[in-house]
Amino acid sequence: MQRIFIIRHGKTEWNLAKRLQGAGADSPLRTDYAQQYADLARYLNQYSYAAAYSSPLLRARQTGEIILAKLNQNTVPAANCAGSHRNQFRSMGGPHP
């Protein structure tokens, strides 16, 4: 069975300040959430995958790079995902901030 995992970027300073970032601004990823990244990598390690894609935004790339490094993968192929806003995924269900 094929699976697709959609993973939101890790927390940024702006997230904690409840400041809107969007695609036009890019606050760097906080590093004090290392355990969450390690837990996610441990969970994902049970699956095989062909590719990992990331938004070109710094916070998304950094999240992918951290998780993939824990899975002994070196790169995150950056897809042109800049136009993929979360509003397009709202119909999929789940909590929305």
C-alpha atoms as a PDB file:
ATOM      1  CA  MET A   1       0.000   0.000   0.000  1.00  0.00           C
ATOM      2  CA  GLN A   2       1.280   3.460  -0.874  1.00  0.00           C
ATOM      3  CA  ARG A   3       1.205   6.141   1.798  1.00  0.00           C
ATOM      4  CA  ILE A   4       1.606   9.877   1.673  1.00  0.00           C
ATOM      5  CA  PHE A   5       2.712  11.711   4.787  1.00  0.00           C
ATOM      6  CA  ILE A   6       2.098  15.447   5.062  1.00  0.00           C
ATOM      7  CA  ILE A   7       4.212  16.934   7.813  1.00  0.00           C
ATOM      8  CA  ARG A   8       3.935  20.506   8.999  1.00  0.00           C
ATOM      9  CA  HIS A   9       7.116  22.419   9.669  1.00  0.00           C
ATOM     10  CA  GLY A  10       8.465  22.662  13.196  1.00  0.00           C
ATOM     11  CA  LYS A  11       7.896  25.617  15.485  1.00  0.00           C
ATOM     12  CA  THR A  12       9.417  29.006  14.795  1.00  0.00           C
ATOM     13  CA  GLU A  13       9.854  32.105  16.949  1.00  0.00           C
ATOM     14  CA  TRP A  14       6.943  33.649  15.090  1.00  0.00           C
ATOM     15  CA  ASN A  15       4.714  30.655  15.894  1.00  0.00           C
ATOM     16  CA  LEU A  16       5.336  31.186  19.592  1.00  0.00           C
ATOM     17  CA  ALA A  17       4.630  34.917  19.254  1.00  0.00           C
ATOM     18  CA  LYS A  18       1.409  34.064  17.363  1.00  0.00           C
ATOM     19  CA  ARG A  19       2.701  36.181  14.494  1.00  0.00           C
ATOM     20  CA  LEU A  20       1.464  35.467  10.979  1.00  0.00           C
ATOM     21  CA  GLN A  21       4.258  34.326   8.643  1.00  0.00           C
ATOM     22  CA  GLY A  22       2.740  33.068   5.415  1.00  0.00           C
ATOM     23  CA  ALA A  23       4.872  32.526   2.328  1.00  0.00           C
ATOM     24  CA  GLY A  24       6.154  36.100   2.195  1.00  0.00           C
ATOM     25  CA  ALA A  25       8.102  35.945   5.465  1.00  0.00           C
ATOM     26  CA  ASP A  26      10.217  33.165   6.849  1.00  0.00           C
ATOM     27  CA  SER A  27      11.121  32.856  10.513  1.00  0.00           C
ATOM     28  CA  PRO A  28      13.819  30.241  11.156  1.00  0.00           C
ATOM     29  CA  LEU A  29      13.054  26.961  12.851  1.00  0.00           C
ATOM     30  CA  ARG A  30      13.561  26.707  16.613  1.00  0.00           C
ATOM     31  CA  THR A  31      16.079  24.096  17.669  1.00  0.00           C
ATOM     32  CA  ASP A  32      14.676  23.341  21.120  1.00  0.00           C
ATOM     33  CA  TYR A  33      12.144  20.865  19.721  1.00  0.00           C
ATOM     34  CA  ALA A  34      14.764  18.240  18.818  1.00  0.00           C
ATOM     35  CA  GLN A  35      12.923  15.479  20.690  1.00  0.00           C
ATOM     36  CA  GLN A  36       9.786  15.977  18.577  1.00  0.00           C
ATOM     37  CA  TYR A  37      11.843  15.657  15.388  1.00  0.00           C
ATOM     38  CA  ALA A  38      13.551  12.522  16.732  1.00  0.00           C
ATOM     39  CA  ASP A  39      10.176  10.999  17.673  1.00  0.00           C
ATOM     40  CA  LEU A  40       8.767  11.703  14.223  1.00  0.00           C
ATOM     41  CA  ALA A  41      11.859  10.257  12.521  1.00  0.00           C
ATOM     42  CA  ARG A  42      11.571   7.115  14.676  1.00  0.00           C
ATOM     43  CA  TYR A  43       7.927   6.732  13.636  1.00  0.00           C
ATOM     44  CA  LEU A  44       8.671   7.304   9.932  1.00  0.00           C
ATOM     45  CA  ASN A  45      11.579   4.844  10.025  1.00  0.00           C
ATOM     46  CA  GLN A  46       9.124   1.913   9.905  1.00  0.00           C
ATOM     47  CA  TYR A  47       8.115   2.885   6.356  1.00  0.00           C
ATOM     48  CA  SER A  48      10.046   2.832   3.116  1.00  0.00           C
ATOM     49  CA  TYR A  49       9.683   5.818   0.843  1.00  0.00           C
ATOM     50  CA  ALA A  50      10.798   6.870  -2.592  1.00  0.00           C
ATOM     51  CA  ALA A  51      11.032  10.639  -2.133  1.00  0.00           C
ATOM     52  CA  ALA A  52      10.641  13.526   0.274  1.00  0.00           C
ATOM     53  CA  TYR A  53       9.463  16.936  -0.870  1.00  0.00           C
ATOM     54  CA  SER A  54       9.517  20.264   0.876  1.00  0.00           C
ATOM     55  CA  SER A  55       8.273  23.763   0.403  1.00  0.00           C
ATOM     56  CA  PRO A  56      11.160  26.083  -0.485  1.00  0.00           C
ATOM     57  CA  LEU A  57      10.523  28.042   2.740  1.00  0.00           C
ATOM     58  CA  LEU A  58      13.402  27.872   5.214  1.00  0.00           C
ATOM     59  CA  ARG A  59      11.327  26.522   8.117  1.00  0.00           C
ATOM     60  CA  ALA A  60       9.958  23.666   5.984  1.00  0.00           C
ATOM     61  CA  ARG A  61      13.348  22.791   4.464  1.00  0.00           C
ATOM     62  CA  GLN A  62      15.001  22.804   7.890  1.00  0.00           C
ATOM     63  CA  THR A  63      12.324  20.499   9.317  1.00  0.00           C
ATOM     64  CA  GLY A  64      12.776  18.042   6.446  1.00  0.00           C
ATOM     65  CA  GLU A  65      16.557  18.147   6.645  1.00  0.00           C
ATOM     66  CA  ILE A  66      16.548  17.434  10.401  1.00  0.00           C
ATOM     67  CA  ILE A  67      14.142  14.509  10.097  1.00  0.00           C
ATOM     68  CA  LEU A  68      15.844  13.015   7.042  1.00  0.00           C
ATOM     69  CA  ALA A  69      19.267  13.298   8.687  1.00  0.00           C
ATOM     70  CA  LYS A  70      17.954  11.141  11.533  1.00  0.00           C
ATOM     71  CA  LEU A  71      16.816   8.634   8.880  1.00  0.00           C
ATOM     72  CA  ASN A  72      20.304   8.698   7.278  1.00  0.00           C
ATOM     73  CA  GLN A  73      19.014  10.515   4.200  1.00  0.00           C
ATOM     74  CA  ASN A  74      21.009  13.478   2.954  1.00  0.00           C
ATOM     75  CA  THR A  75      18.696  15.683   0.944  1.00  0.00           C
ATOM     76  CA  VAL A  76      15.180  17.010   0.648  1.00  0.00           C
ATOM     77  CA  PRO A  77      14.276  17.491  -3.017  1.00  0.00           C
ATOM     78  CA  ALA A  78      12.562  20.880  -3.019  1.00  0.00           C
ATOM     79  CA  ALA A  79       9.347  20.820  -4.996  1.00  0.00           C
ATOM     80  CA  ASN A  80       7.757  24.011  -6.233  1.00  0.00           C
ATOM     81  CA  CYS A  81       5.259  23.938  -3.405  1.00  0.00           C
ATOM     82  CA  ALA A  82       5.194  27.662  -2.635  1.00  0.00           C
ATOM     83  CA  GLY A  83       1.583  27.919  -3.813  1.00  0.00           C
ATOM     84  CA  SER A  84       0.354  24.992  -1.707  1.00  0.00           C
ATOM     85  CA  HIS A  85      -1.313  26.874   1.110  1.00  0.00           C
ATOM     86  CA  ARG A  86      -2.915  24.990   3.956  1.00  0.00           C
ATOM     87  CA  ASN A  87      -6.365  26.328   2.996  1.00  0.00           C
ATOM     88  CA  GLN A  88      -6.274  23.949   0.032  1.00  0.00           C
ATOM     89  CA  PHE A  89      -6.080  21.047   2.508  1.00  0.00           C
ATOM     90  CA  ARG A  90      -8.857  22.150   4.870  1.00  0.00           C
ATOM     91  CA  SER A  91     -11.393  19.858   3.238  1.00  0.00           C
ATOM     92  CA  MET A  92      -9.246  16.900   4.322  1.00  0.00           C
ATOM     93  CA  GLY A  93     -10.347  17.354   7.956  1.00  0.00           C
ATOM     94  CA  GLY A  94      -8.390  17.615  11.167  1.00  0.00           C
ATOM     95  CA  PRO A  95      -7.795  20.530  13.531  1.00  0.00           C
ATOM     96  CA  HIS A  96      -7.109  23.972  12.110  1.00  0.00           C
ATOM     97  CA  PRO A  97      -5.362  26.743  14.035  1.00  0.00           C
END
